[in-house]
Amino acid sequence: YLGLEYRIKEIPLVIGLDYKPFFEIAPH
């Protein structure tokens, strides 16, 4: 997980842009 988040002061809103590479495994 890597990202950048911006917390807006005037309103309770958070905007984030992220990069979330992953590896997964299943039976097949």
mmCIF file of all heavy atoms, coordinates in Angstrom:
data_MODEL
# 
_entry.id   MODEL 
# 
loop_
_atom_site.group_PDB 
_atom_site.id 
_atom_site.type_symbol 
_atom_site.label_atom_id 
_atom_site.label_alt_id 
_atom_site.label_comp_id 
_atom_site.label_asym_id 
_atom_site.label_entity_id 
_atom_site.label_seq_id 
_atom_site.pdbx_PDB_ins_code 
_atom_site.Cartn_x 
_atom_site.Cartn_y 
_atom_site.Cartn_z 
_atom_site.occupancy 
_atom_site.B_iso_or_equiv 
_atom_site.pdbx_formal_charge 
_atom_site.auth_seq_id 
_atom_site.auth_comp_id 
_atom_site.auth_asym_id 
_atom_site.auth_atom_id 
_atom_site.pdbx_PDB_model_num 
ATOM 1   N N   . TYR A 1 1  ? 0.827   -1.204  0.000   1.00 0.00 ? 1  TYR A N   1 
ATOM 2   C CA  . TYR A 1 1  ? 0.000   0.000   0.000   1.00 0.00 ? 1  TYR A CA  1 
ATOM 3   C C   . TYR A 1 1  ? 0.865   1.260   0.000   1.00 0.00 ? 1  TYR A C   1 
ATOM 4   O O   . TYR A 1 1  ? 1.737   1.417   0.859   1.00 0.00 ? 1  TYR A O   1 
ATOM 5   C CB  . TYR A 1 1  ? -0.903  0.006   1.235   1.00 0.00 ? 1  TYR A CB  1 
ATOM 6   C CG  . TYR A 1 1  ? -1.968  1.062   1.212   1.00 0.00 ? 1  TYR A CG  1 
ATOM 7   C CD1 . TYR A 1 1  ? -3.179  0.832   0.588   1.00 0.00 ? 1  TYR A CD1 1 
ATOM 8   C CD2 . TYR A 1 1  ? -1.760  2.300   1.814   1.00 0.00 ? 1  TYR A CD2 1 
ATOM 9   C CE1 . TYR A 1 1  ? -4.162  1.811   0.562   1.00 0.00 ? 1  TYR A CE1 1 
ATOM 10  C CE2 . TYR A 1 1  ? -2.730  3.281   1.787   1.00 0.00 ? 1  TYR A CE2 1 
ATOM 11  C CZ  . TYR A 1 1  ? -3.931  3.019   1.158   1.00 0.00 ? 1  TYR A CZ  1 
ATOM 12  O OH  . TYR A 1 1  ? -4.899  3.988   1.123   1.00 0.00 ? 1  TYR A OH  1 
ATOM 13  N N   . LEU A 1 2  ? 0.639   2.145   -0.966  1.00 0.00 ? 2  LEU A N   1 
ATOM 14  C CA  . LEU A 1 2  ? 1.251   3.474   -1.036  1.00 0.00 ? 2  LEU A CA  1 
ATOM 15  C C   . LEU A 1 2  ? 0.166   4.457   -1.430  1.00 0.00 ? 2  LEU A C   1 
ATOM 16  O O   . LEU A 1 2  ? -0.678  4.131   -2.276  1.00 0.00 ? 2  LEU A O   1 
ATOM 17  C CB  . LEU A 1 2  ? 2.368   3.527   -2.081  1.00 0.00 ? 2  LEU A CB  1 
ATOM 18  C CG  . LEU A 1 2  ? 3.618   2.721   -1.805  1.00 0.00 ? 2  LEU A CG  1 
ATOM 19  C CD1 . LEU A 1 2  ? 4.541   2.760   -3.026  1.00 0.00 ? 2  LEU A CD1 1 
ATOM 20  C CD2 . LEU A 1 2  ? 4.354   3.268   -0.596  1.00 0.00 ? 2  LEU A CD2 1 
ATOM 21  N N   . GLY A 1 3  ? 0.168   5.648   -0.846  1.00 0.00 ? 3  GLY A N   1 
ATOM 22  C CA  . GLY A 1 3  ? -0.869  6.589   -1.217  1.00 0.00 ? 3  GLY A CA  1 
ATOM 23  C C   . GLY A 1 3  ? -0.606  8.001   -0.744  1.00 0.00 ? 3  GLY A C   1 
ATOM 24  O O   . GLY A 1 3  ? 0.372   8.277   -0.035  1.00 0.00 ? 3  GLY A O   1 
ATOM 25  N N   . LEU A 1 4  ? -1.501  8.874   -1.150  1.00 0.00 ? 4  LEU A N   1 
ATOM 26  C CA  . LEU A 1 4  ? -1.506  10.267  -0.744  1.00 0.00 ? 4  LEU A CA  1 
ATOM 27  C C   . LEU A 1 4  ? -2.933  10.603  -0.338  1.00 0.00 ? 4  LEU A C   1 
ATOM 28  O O   . LEU A 1 4  ? -3.881  10.285  -1.060  1.00 0.00 ? 4  LEU A O   1 
ATOM 29  C CB  . LEU A 1 4  ? -1.053  11.177  -1.888  1.00 0.00 ? 4  LEU A CB  1 
ATOM 30  C CG  . LEU A 1 4  ? -0.980  12.666  -1.585  1.00 0.00 ? 4  LEU A CG  1 
ATOM 31  C CD1 . LEU A 1 4  ? 0.112   12.948  -0.550  1.00 0.00 ? 4  LEU A CD1 1 
ATOM 32  C CD2 . LEU A 1 4  ? -0.690  13.447  -2.866  1.00 0.00 ? 4  LEU A CD2 1 
ATOM 33  N N   . GLU A 1 5  ? -3.078  11.235  0.827   1.00 0.00 ? 5  GLU A N   1 
ATOM 34  C CA  . GLU A 1 5  ? -4.399  11.566  1.365   1.00 0.00 ? 5  GLU A CA  1 
ATOM 35  C C   . GLU A 1 5  ? -4.461  13.070  1.629   1.00 0.00 ? 5  GLU A C   1 
ATOM 36  O O   . GLU A 1 5  ? -3.481  13.666  2.069   1.00 0.00 ? 5  GLU A O   1 
ATOM 37  C CB  . GLU A 1 5  ? -4.596  10.792  2.665   1.00 0.00 ? 5  GLU A CB  1 
ATOM 38  C CG  . GLU A 1 5  ? -5.889  11.025  3.368   1.00 0.00 ? 5  GLU A CG  1 
ATOM 39  C CD  . GLU A 1 5  ? -6.010  10.154  4.600   1.00 0.00 ? 5  GLU A CD  1 
ATOM 40  O OE1 . GLU A 1 5  ? -5.548  10.568  5.672   1.00 0.00 ? 5  GLU A OE1 1 
ATOM 41  O OE2 . GLU A 1 5  ? -6.566  9.049   4.475   1.00 0.00 ? 5  GLU A OE2 1 
ATOM 42  N N   . TYR A 1 6  ? -5.626  13.662  1.362   1.00 0.00 ? 6  TYR A N   1 
ATOM 43  C CA  . TYR A 1 6  ? -5.839  15.071  1.683   1.00 0.00 ? 6  TYR A CA  1 
ATOM 44  C C   . TYR A 1 6  ? -7.059  15.187  2.582   1.00 0.00 ? 6  TYR A C   1 
ATOM 45  O O   . TYR A 1 6  ? -8.144  14.730  2.234   1.00 0.00 ? 6  TYR A O   1 
ATOM 46  C CB  . TYR A 1 6  ? -6.036  15.909  0.425   1.00 0.00 ? 6  TYR A CB  1 
ATOM 47  C CG  . TYR A 1 6  ? -6.258  17.369  0.732   1.00 0.00 ? 6  TYR A CG  1 
ATOM 48  C CD1 . TYR A 1 6  ? -5.270  18.124  1.359   1.00 0.00 ? 6  TYR A CD1 1 
ATOM 49  C CD2 . TYR A 1 6  ? -7.454  17.992  0.430   1.00 0.00 ? 6  TYR A CD2 1 
ATOM 50  C CE1 . TYR A 1 6  ? -5.465  19.461  1.663   1.00 0.00 ? 6  TYR A CE1 1 
ATOM 51  C CE2 . TYR A 1 6  ? -7.670  19.329  0.720   1.00 0.00 ? 6  TYR A CE2 1 
ATOM 52  C CZ  . TYR A 1 6  ? -6.664  20.053  1.336   1.00 0.00 ? 6  TYR A CZ  1 
ATOM 53  O OH  . TYR A 1 6  ? -6.852  21.371  1.644   1.00 0.00 ? 6  TYR A OH  1 
ATOM 54  N N   . ARG A 1 7  ? -6.862  15.801  3.743   1.00 0.00 ? 7  ARG A N   1 
ATOM 55  C CA  . ARG A 1 7  ? -7.941  16.004  4.715   1.00 0.00 ? 7  ARG A CA  1 
ATOM 56  C C   . ARG A 1 7  ? -8.419  17.451  4.579   1.00 0.00 ? 7  ARG A C   1 
ATOM 57  O O   . ARG A 1 7  ? -7.692  18.384  4.914   1.00 0.00 ? 7  ARG A O   1 
ATOM 58  C CB  . ARG A 1 7  ? -7.439  15.747  6.124   1.00 0.00 ? 7  ARG A CB  1 
ATOM 59  C CG  . ARG A 1 7  ? -6.891  14.350  6.295   1.00 0.00 ? 7  ARG A CG  1 
ATOM 60  C CD  . ARG A 1 7  ? -6.199  14.173  7.616   1.00 0.00 ? 7  ARG A CD  1 
ATOM 61  N NE  . ARG A 1 7  ? -5.548  12.864  7.657   1.00 0.00 ? 7  ARG A NE  1 
ATOM 62  C CZ  . ARG A 1 7  ? -4.748  12.480  8.631   1.00 0.00 ? 7  ARG A CZ  1 
ATOM 63  N NH1 . ARG A 1 7  ? -4.507  13.276  9.651   1.00 0.00 ? 7  ARG A NH1 1 
ATOM 64  N NH2 . ARG A 1 7  ? -4.196  11.293  8.591   1.00 0.00 ? 7  ARG A NH2 1 
ATOM 65  N N   . ILE A 1 8  ? -9.632  17.640  4.118   1.00 0.00 ? 8  ILE A N   1 
ATOM 66  C CA  . ILE A 1 8  ? -10.187 18.972  3.919   1.00 0.00 ? 8  ILE A CA  1 
ATOM 67  C C   . ILE A 1 8  ? -10.571 19.541  5.280   1.00 0.00 ? 8  ILE A C   1 
ATOM 68  O O   . ILE A 1 8  ? -11.308 18.911  6.038   1.00 0.00 ? 8  ILE A O   1 
ATOM 69  C CB  . ILE A 1 8  ? -11.394 18.918  2.961   1.00 0.00 ? 8  ILE A CB  1 
ATOM 70  C CG1 . ILE A 1 8  ? -10.949 18.348  1.617   1.00 0.00 ? 8  ILE A CG1 1 
ATOM 71  C CG2 . ILE A 1 8  ? -12.010 20.299  2.792   1.00 0.00 ? 8  ILE A CG2 1 
ATOM 72  C CD1 . ILE A 1 8  ? -12.082 18.082  0.657   1.00 0.00 ? 8  ILE A CD1 1 
ATOM 73  N N   . LYS A 1 9  ? -10.070 20.736  5.587   1.00 0.00 ? 9  LYS A N   1 
ATOM 74  C CA  . LYS A 1 9  ? -10.300 21.336  6.910   1.00 0.00 ? 9  LYS A CA  1 
ATOM 75  C C   . LYS A 1 9  ? -11.738 21.770  7.123   1.00 0.00 ? 9  LYS A C   1 
ATOM 76  O O   . LYS A 1 9  ? -12.304 21.586  8.186   1.00 0.00 ? 9  LYS A O   1 
ATOM 77  C CB  . LYS A 1 9  ? -9.406  22.568  7.099   1.00 0.00 ? 9  LYS A CB  1 
ATOM 78  C CG  . LYS A 1 9  ? -7.967  22.281  7.298   1.00 0.00 ? 9  LYS A CG  1 
ATOM 79  C CD  . LYS A 1 9  ? -7.238  23.562  7.626   1.00 0.00 ? 9  LYS A CD  1 
ATOM 80  C CE  . LYS A 1 9  ? -6.123  23.782  6.650   1.00 0.00 ? 9  LYS A CE  1 
ATOM 81  N NZ  . LYS A 1 9  ? -5.371  24.989  6.898   1.00 0.00 ? 9  LYS A NZ  1 
ATOM 82  N N   . GLU A 1 10 ? -12.335 22.389  6.113   1.00 0.00 ? 10 GLU A N   1 
ATOM 83  C CA  . GLU A 1 10 ? -13.640 23.018  6.262   1.00 0.00 ? 10 GLU A CA  1 
ATOM 84  C C   . GLU A 1 10 ? -14.788 22.027  6.385   1.00 0.00 ? 10 GLU A C   1 
ATOM 85  O O   . GLU A 1 10 ? -15.826 22.340  6.956   1.00 0.00 ? 10 GLU A O   1 
ATOM 86  C CB  . GLU A 1 10 ? -13.922 23.957  5.079   1.00 0.00 ? 10 GLU A CB  1 
ATOM 87  C CG  . GLU A 1 10 ? -12.996 25.148  5.007   1.00 0.00 ? 10 GLU A CG  1 
ATOM 88  C CD  . GLU A 1 10 ? -11.619 24.803  4.425   1.00 0.00 ? 10 GLU A CD  1 
ATOM 89  O OE1 . GLU A 1 10 ? -11.487 23.760  3.756   1.00 0.00 ? 10 GLU A OE1 1 
ATOM 90  O OE2 . GLU A 1 10 ? -10.677 25.582  4.662   1.00 0.00 ? 10 GLU A OE2 1 
ATOM 91  N N   . ILE A 1 11 ? -14.634 20.857  5.808   1.00 0.00 ? 11 ILE A N   1 
ATOM 92  C CA  . ILE A 1 11 ? -15.671 19.830  5.866   1.00 0.00 ? 11 ILE A CA  1 
ATOM 93  C C   . ILE A 1 11 ? -15.014 18.508  6.265   1.00 0.00 ? 11 ILE A C   1 
ATOM 94  O O   . ILE A 1 11 ? -13.822 18.322  6.053   1.00 0.00 ? 11 ILE A O   1 
ATOM 95  C CB  . ILE A 1 11 ? -16.429 19.689  4.521   1.00 0.00 ? 11 ILE A CB  1 
ATOM 96  C CG1 . ILE A 1 11 ? -15.452 19.362  3.381   1.00 0.00 ? 11 ILE A CG1 1 
ATOM 97  C CG2 . ILE A 1 11 ? -17.224 20.935  4.221   1.00 0.00 ? 11 ILE A CG2 1 
ATOM 98  C CD1 . ILE A 1 11 ? -16.122 19.095  2.058   1.00 0.00 ? 11 ILE A CD1 1 
ATOM 99  N N   . PRO A 1 12 ? -15.751 17.594  6.842   1.00 0.00 ? 12 PRO A N   1 
ATOM 100 C CA  . PRO A 1 12 ? -15.141 16.335  7.313   1.00 0.00 ? 12 PRO A CA  1 
ATOM 101 C C   . PRO A 1 12 ? -14.959 15.313  6.187   1.00 0.00 ? 12 PRO A C   1 
ATOM 102 O O   . PRO A 1 12 ? -15.456 14.193  6.248   1.00 0.00 ? 12 PRO A O   1 
ATOM 103 C CB  . PRO A 1 12 ? -16.136 15.848  8.364   1.00 0.00 ? 12 PRO A CB  1 
ATOM 104 C CG  . PRO A 1 12 ? -17.442 16.352  7.874   1.00 0.00 ? 12 PRO A CG  1 
ATOM 105 C CD  . PRO A 1 12 ? -17.149 17.701  7.258   1.00 0.00 ? 12 PRO A CD  1 
ATOM 106 N N   . LEU A 1 13 ? -14.251 15.712  5.143   1.00 0.00 ? 13 LEU A N   1 
ATOM 107 C CA  . LEU A 1 13 ? -14.054 14.854  3.983   1.00 0.00 ? 13 LEU A CA  1 
ATOM 108 C C   . LEU A 1 13 ? -12.567 14.577  3.794   1.00 0.00 ? 13 LEU A C   1 
ATOM 109 O O   . LEU A 1 13 ? -11.731 15.473  3.947   1.00 0.00 ? 13 LEU A O   1 
ATOM 110 C CB  . LEU A 1 13 ? -14.622 15.529  2.729   1.00 0.00 ? 13 LEU A CB  1 
ATOM 111 C CG  . LEU A 1 13 ? -14.633 14.707  1.456   1.00 0.00 ? 13 LEU A CG  1 
ATOM 112 C CD1 . LEU A 1 13 ? -15.583 13.515  1.595   1.00 0.00 ? 13 LEU A CD1 1 
ATOM 113 C CD2 . LEU A 1 13 ? -15.063 15.570  0.281   1.00 0.00 ? 13 LEU A CD2 1 
ATOM 114 N N   . VAL A 1 14 ? -12.245 13.337  3.442   1.00 0.00 ? 14 VAL A N   1 
ATOM 115 C CA  . VAL A 1 14 ? -10.878 12.909  3.160   1.00 0.00 ? 14 VAL A CA  1 
ATOM 116 C C   . VAL A 1 14 ? -10.875 12.335  1.752   1.00 0.00 ? 14 VAL A C   1 
ATOM 117 O O   . VAL A 1 14 ? -11.706 11.499  1.413   1.00 0.00 ? 14 VAL A O   1 
ATOM 118 C CB  . VAL A 1 14 ? -10.410 11.835  4.167   1.00 0.00 ? 14 VAL A CB  1 
ATOM 119 C CG1 . VAL A 1 14 ? -9.011  11.355  3.833   1.00 0.00 ? 14 VAL A CG1 1 
ATOM 120 C CG2 . VAL A 1 14 ? -10.485 12.350  5.584   1.00 0.00 ? 14 VAL A CG2 1 
ATOM 121 N N   . ILE A 1 15 ? -9.929  12.805  0.933   1.00 0.00 ? 15 ILE A N   1 
ATOM 122 C CA  . ILE A 1 15 ? -9.778  12.311  -0.433  1.00 0.00 ? 15 ILE A CA  1 
ATOM 123 C C   . ILE A 1 15 ? -8.437  11.618  -0.514  1.00 0.00 ? 15 ILE A C   1 
ATOM 124 O O   . ILE A 1 15 ? -7.414  12.170  -0.079  1.00 0.00 ? 15 ILE A O   1 
ATOM 125 C CB  . ILE A 1 15 ? -9.849  13.459  -1.454  1.00 0.00 ? 15 ILE A CB  1 
ATOM 126 C CG1 . ILE A 1 15 ? -11.189 14.178  -1.350  1.00 0.00 ? 15 ILE A CG1 1 
ATOM 127 C CG2 . ILE A 1 15 ? -9.622  12.941  -2.868  1.00 0.00 ? 15 ILE A CG2 1 
ATOM 128 C CD1 . ILE A 1 15 ? -11.259 15.459  -2.141  1.00 0.00 ? 15 ILE A CD1 1 
ATOM 129 N N   . GLY A 1 16 ? -8.409  10.416  -1.044  1.00 0.00 ? 16 GLY A N   1 
ATOM 130 C CA  . GLY A 1 16 ? -7.163  9.666   -1.130  1.00 0.00 ? 16 GLY A CA  1 
ATOM 131 C C   . GLY A 1 16 ? -6.945  9.049   -2.496  1.00 0.00 ? 16 GLY A C   1 
ATOM 132 O O   . GLY A 1 16 ? -7.897  8.649   -3.179  1.00 0.00 ? 16 GLY A O   1 
ATOM 133 N N   . LEU A 1 17 ? -5.700  8.995   -2.902  1.00 0.00 ? 17 LEU A N   1 
ATOM 134 C CA  . LEU A 1 17 ? -5.287  8.314   -4.121  1.00 0.00 ? 17 LEU A CA  1 
ATOM 135 C C   . LEU A 1 17 ? -4.244  7.298   -3.697  1.00 0.00 ? 17 LEU A C   1 
ATOM 136 O O   . LEU A 1 17 ? -3.274  7.649   -3.012  1.00 0.00 ? 17 LEU A O   1 
ATOM 137 C CB  . LEU A 1 17 ? -4.690  9.311   -5.118  1.00 0.00 ? 17 LEU A CB  1 
ATOM 138 C CG  . LEU A 1 17 ? -4.230  8.742   -6.456  1.00 0.00 ? 17 LEU A CG  1 
ATOM 139 C CD1 . LEU A 1 17 ? -5.419  8.174   -7.227  1.00 0.00 ? 17 LEU A CD1 1 
ATOM 140 C CD2 . LEU A 1 17 ? -3.560  9.835   -7.274  1.00 0.00 ? 17 LEU A CD2 1 
ATOM 141 N N   . ASP A 1 18 ? -4.454  6.020   -4.056  1.00 0.00 ? 18 ASP A N   1 
ATOM 142 C CA  . ASP A 1 18 ? -3.532  4.997   -3.584  1.00 0.00 ? 18 ASP A CA  1 
ATOM 143 C C   . ASP A 1 18 ? -3.209  3.966   -4.641  1.00 0.00 ? 18 ASP A C   1 
ATOM 144 O O   . ASP A 1 18 ? -3.901  3.842   -5.645  1.00 0.00 ? 18 ASP A O   1 
ATOM 145 C CB  . ASP A 1 18 ? -4.077  4.320   -2.317  1.00 0.00 ? 18 ASP A CB  1 
ATOM 146 C CG  . ASP A 1 18 ? -5.382  3.598   -2.550  1.00 0.00 ? 18 ASP A CG  1 
ATOM 147 O OD1 . ASP A 1 18 ? -5.392  2.618   -3.316  1.00 0.00 ? 18 ASP A OD1 1 
ATOM 148 O OD2 . ASP A 1 18 ? -6.385  3.993   -1.953  1.00 0.00 ? 18 ASP A OD2 1 
ATOM 149 N N   . TYR A 1 19 ? -2.137  3.243   -4.376  1.00 0.00 ? 19 TYR A N   1 
ATOM 150 C CA  . TYR A 1 19 ? -1.652  2.151   -5.212  1.00 0.00 ? 19 TYR A CA  1 
ATOM 151 C C   . TYR A 1 19 ? -1.536  0.934   -4.294  1.00 0.00 ? 19 TYR A C   1 
ATOM 152 O O   . TYR A 1 19 ? -0.860  0.991   -3.270  1.00 0.00 ? 19 TYR A O   1 
ATOM 153 C CB  . TYR A 1 19 ? -0.295  2.529   -5.799  1.00 0.00 ? 19 TYR A CB  1 
ATOM 154 C CG  . TYR A 1 19 ? 0.405   1.422   -6.531  1.00 0.00 ? 19 TYR A CG  1 
ATOM 155 C CD1 . TYR A 1 19 ? -0.159  0.835   -7.659  1.00 0.00 ? 19 TYR A CD1 1 
ATOM 156 C CD2 . TYR A 1 19 ? 1.644   0.964   -6.106  1.00 0.00 ? 19 TYR A CD2 1 
ATOM 157 C CE1 . TYR A 1 19 ? 0.493   -0.173  -8.343  1.00 0.00 ? 19 TYR A CE1 1 
ATOM 158 C CE2 . TYR A 1 19 ? 2.304   -0.053  -6.779  1.00 0.00 ? 19 TYR A CE2 1 
ATOM 159 C CZ  . TYR A 1 19 ? 1.727   -0.611  -7.901  1.00 0.00 ? 19 TYR A CZ  1 
ATOM 160 O OH  . TYR A 1 19 ? 2.371   -1.619  -8.577  1.00 0.00 ? 19 TYR A OH  1 
ATOM 161 N N   . LYS A 1 20 ? -2.261  -0.149  -4.648  1.00 0.00 ? 20 LYS A N   1 
ATOM 162 C CA  . LYS A 1 20 ? -2.354  -1.317  -3.774  1.00 0.00 ? 20 LYS A CA  1 
ATOM 163 C C   . LYS A 1 20 ? -2.087  -2.610  -4.564  1.00 0.00 ? 20 LYS A C   1 
ATOM 164 O O   . LYS A 1 20 ? -3.011  -3.366  -4.862  1.00 0.00 ? 20 LYS A O   1 
ATOM 165 C CB  . LYS A 1 20 ? -3.732  -1.345  -3.117  1.00 0.00 ? 20 LYS A CB  1 
ATOM 166 C CG  . LYS A 1 20 ? -3.846  -2.315  -1.954  1.00 0.00 ? 20 LYS A CG  1 
ATOM 167 C CD  . LYS A 1 20 ? -5.214  -2.276  -1.333  1.00 0.00 ? 20 LYS A CD  1 
ATOM 168 C CE  . LYS A 1 20 ? -6.250  -2.975  -2.144  1.00 0.00 ? 20 LYS A CE  1 
ATOM 169 N NZ  . LYS A 1 20 ? -5.996  -4.372  -2.454  1.00 0.00 ? 20 LYS A NZ  1 
ATOM 170 N N   . PRO A 1 21 ? -0.812  -2.869  -4.908  1.00 0.00 ? 21 PRO A N   1 
ATOM 171 C CA  . PRO A 1 21 ? -0.535  -4.131  -5.604  1.00 0.00 ? 21 PRO A CA  1 
ATOM 172 C C   . PRO A 1 21 ? -0.749  -5.319  -4.671  1.00 0.00 ? 21 PRO A C   1 
ATOM 173 O O   . PRO A 1 21 ? -0.618  -5.188  -3.460  1.00 0.00 ? 21 PRO A O   1 
ATOM 174 C CB  . PRO A 1 21 ? 0.943   -3.996  -5.996  1.00 0.00 ? 21 PRO A CB  1 
ATOM 175 C CG  . PRO A 1 21 ? 1.512   -3.088  -4.971  1.00 0.00 ? 21 PRO A CG  1 
ATOM 176 C CD  . PRO A 1 21 ? 0.406   -2.124  -4.613  1.00 0.00 ? 21 PRO A CD  1 
ATOM 177 N N   . PHE A 1 22 ? -1.107  -6.461  -5.256  1.00 0.00 ? 22 PHE A N   1 
ATOM 178 C CA  . PHE A 1 22 ? -1.329  -7.632  -4.408  1.00 0.00 ? 22 PHE A CA  1 
ATOM 179 C C   . PHE A 1 22 ? -0.959  -8.924  -5.122  1.00 0.00 ? 22 PHE A C   1 
ATOM 180 O O   . PHE A 1 22 ? -0.917  -8.983  -6.347  1.00 0.00 ? 22 PHE A O   1 
ATOM 181 C CB  . PHE A 1 22 ? -2.773  -7.689  -3.893  1.00 0.00 ? 22 PHE A CB  1 
ATOM 182 C CG  . PHE A 1 22 ? -3.834  -7.800  -4.955  1.00 0.00 ? 22 PHE A CG  1 
ATOM 183 C CD1 . PHE A 1 22 ? -4.206  -9.028  -5.471  1.00 0.00 ? 22 PHE A CD1 1 
ATOM 184 C CD2 . PHE A 1 22 ? -4.470  -6.673  -5.423  1.00 0.00 ? 22 PHE A CD2 1 
ATOM 185 C CE1 . PHE A 1 22 ? -5.192  -9.134  -6.428  1.00 0.00 ? 22 PHE A CE1 1 
ATOM 186 C CE2 . PHE A 1 22 ? -5.468  -6.755  -6.378  1.00 0.00 ? 22 PHE A CE2 1 
ATOM 187 C CZ  . PHE A 1 22 ? -5.827  -7.994  -6.885  1.00 0.00 ? 22 PHE A CZ  1 
ATOM 188 N N   . PHE A 1 23 ? -0.696  -9.934  -4.321  1.00 0.00 ? 23 PHE A N   1 
ATOM 189 C CA  . PHE A 1 23 ? -0.485  -11.307 -4.777  1.00 0.00 ? 23 PHE A CA  1 
ATOM 190 C C   . PHE A 1 23 ? -1.557  -12.143 -4.108  1.00 0.00 ? 23 PHE A C   1 
ATOM 191 O O   . PHE A 1 23 ? -1.836  -11.975 -2.921  1.00 0.00 ? 23 PHE A O   1 
ATOM 192 C CB  . PHE A 1 23 ? 0.903   -11.804 -4.362  1.00 0.00 ? 23 PHE A CB  1 
ATOM 193 C CG  . PHE A 1 23 ? 1.082   -13.287 -4.553  1.00 0.00 ? 23 PHE A CG  1 
ATOM 194 C CD1 . PHE A 1 23 ? 1.333   -13.808 -5.807  1.00 0.00 ? 23 PHE A CD1 1 
ATOM 195 C CD2 . PHE A 1 23 ? 0.971   -14.152 -3.478  1.00 0.00 ? 23 PHE A CD2 1 
ATOM 196 C CE1 . PHE A 1 23 ? 1.490   -15.176 -5.988  1.00 0.00 ? 23 PHE A CE1 1 
ATOM 197 C CE2 . PHE A 1 23 ? 1.129   -15.526 -3.638  1.00 0.00 ? 23 PHE A CE2 1 
ATOM 198 C CZ  . PHE A 1 23 ? 1.384   -16.027 -4.906  1.00 0.00 ? 23 PHE A CZ  1 
ATOM 199 N N   . GLU A 1 24 ? -2.172  -13.055 -4.871  1.00 0.00 ? 24 GLU A N   1 
ATOM 200 C CA  . GLU A 1 24 ? -3.164  -13.937 -4.246  1.00 0.00 ? 24 GLU A CA  1 
ATOM 201 C C   . GLU A 1 24 ? -3.030  -15.348 -4.793  1.00 0.00 ? 24 GLU A C   1 
ATOM 202 O O   . GLU A 1 24 ? -2.505  -15.574 -5.880  1.00 0.00 ? 24 GLU A O   1 
ATOM 203 C CB  . GLU A 1 24 ? -4.587  -13.405 -4.401  1.00 0.00 ? 24 GLU A CB  1 
ATOM 204 C CG  . GLU A 1 24 ? -5.101  -13.300 -5.784  1.00 0.00 ? 24 GLU A CG  1 
ATOM 205 C CD  . GLU A 1 24 ? -6.459  -12.605 -5.810  1.00 0.00 ? 24 GLU A CD  1 
ATOM 206 O OE1 . GLU A 1 24 ? -6.776  -11.807 -4.929  1.00 0.00 ? 24 GLU A OE1 1 
ATOM 207 O OE2 . GLU A 1 24 ? -7.199  -12.884 -6.764  1.00 0.00 ? 24 GLU A OE2 1 
ATOM 208 N N   . ILE A 1 25 ? -3.546  -16.264 -3.987  1.00 0.00 ? 25 ILE A N   1 
ATOM 209 C CA  . ILE A 1 25 ? -3.478  -17.677 -4.329  1.00 0.00 ? 25 ILE A CA  1 
ATOM 210 C C   . ILE A 1 25 ? -4.830  -18.322 -4.014  1.00 0.00 ? 25 ILE A C   1 
ATOM 211 O O   . ILE A 1 25 ? -5.497  -17.946 -3.054  1.00 0.00 ? 25 ILE A O   1 
ATOM 212 C CB  . ILE A 1 25 ? -2.320  -18.370 -3.561  1.00 0.00 ? 25 ILE A CB  1 
ATOM 213 C CG1 . ILE A 1 25 ? -2.122  -19.791 -4.052  1.00 0.00 ? 25 ILE A CG1 1 
ATOM 214 C CG2 . ILE A 1 25 ? -2.527  -18.297 -2.068  1.00 0.00 ? 25 ILE A CG2 1 
ATOM 215 C CD1 . ILE A 1 25 ? -0.838  -20.423 -3.567  1.00 0.00 ? 25 ILE A CD1 1 
ATOM 216 N N   . ALA A 1 26 ? -5.212  -19.257 -4.873  1.00 0.00 ? 26 ALA A N   1 
ATOM 217 C CA  . ALA A 1 26 ? -6.463  -20.007 -4.719  1.00 0.00 ? 26 ALA A CA  1 
ATOM 218 C C   . ALA A 1 26 ? -6.176  -21.452 -5.110  1.00 0.00 ? 26 ALA A C   1 
ATOM 219 O O   . ALA A 1 26 ? -5.085  -21.759 -5.605  1.00 0.00 ? 26 ALA A O   1 
ATOM 220 C CB  . ALA A 1 26 ? -7.545  -19.397 -5.602  1.00 0.00 ? 26 ALA A CB  1 
ATOM 221 N N   . PRO A 1 27 ? -7.136  -22.352 -4.911  1.00 0.00 ? 27 PRO A N   1 
ATOM 222 C CA  . PRO A 1 27 ? -6.876  -23.759 -5.243  1.00 0.00 ? 27 PRO A CA  1 
ATOM 223 C C   . PRO A 1 27 ? -6.438  -24.000 -6.691  1.00 0.00 ? 27 PRO A C   1 
ATOM 224 O O   . PRO A 1 27 ? -5.639  -24.892 -6.949  1.00 0.00 ? 27 PRO A O   1 
ATOM 225 C CB  . PRO A 1 27 ? -8.218  -24.439 -4.967  1.00 0.00 ? 27 PRO A CB  1 
ATOM 226 C CG  . PRO A 1 27 ? -8.841  -23.599 -3.922  1.00 0.00 ? 27 PRO A CG  1 
ATOM 227 C CD  . PRO A 1 27 ? -8.427  -22.191 -4.235  1.00 0.00 ? 27 PRO A CD  1 
ATOM 228 N N   . HIS A 1 28 ? -6.902  -23.191 -7.642  1.00 0.00 ? 28 HIS A N   1 
ATOM 229 C CA  . HIS A 1 28 ? -6.588  -23.437 -9.051  1.00 0.00 ? 28 HIS A CA  1 
ATOM 230 C C   . HIS A 1 28 ? -5.734  -22.357 -9.695  1.00 0.00 ? 28 HIS A C   1 
ATOM 231 O O   . HIS A 1 28 ? -5.541  -22.397 -10.899 1.00 0.00 ? 28 HIS A O   1 
ATOM 232 C CB  . HIS A 1 28 ? -7.885  -23.582 -9.860  1.00 0.00 ? 28 HIS A CB  1 
ATOM 233 C CG  . HIS A 1 28 ? -8.684  -24.775 -9.459  1.00 0.00 ? 28 HIS A CG  1 
ATOM 234 N ND1 . HIS A 1 28 ? -8.303  -26.056 -9.761  1.00 0.00 ? 28 HIS A ND1 1 
ATOM 235 C CD2 . HIS A 1 28 ? -9.828  -24.892 -8.759  1.00 0.00 ? 28 HIS A CD2 1 
ATOM 236 C CE1 . HIS A 1 28 ? -9.190  -26.906 -9.279  1.00 0.00 ? 28 HIS A CE1 1 
ATOM 237 N NE2 . HIS A 1 28 ? -10.124 -26.222 -8.656  1.00 0.00 ? 28 HIS A NE2 1 
# 
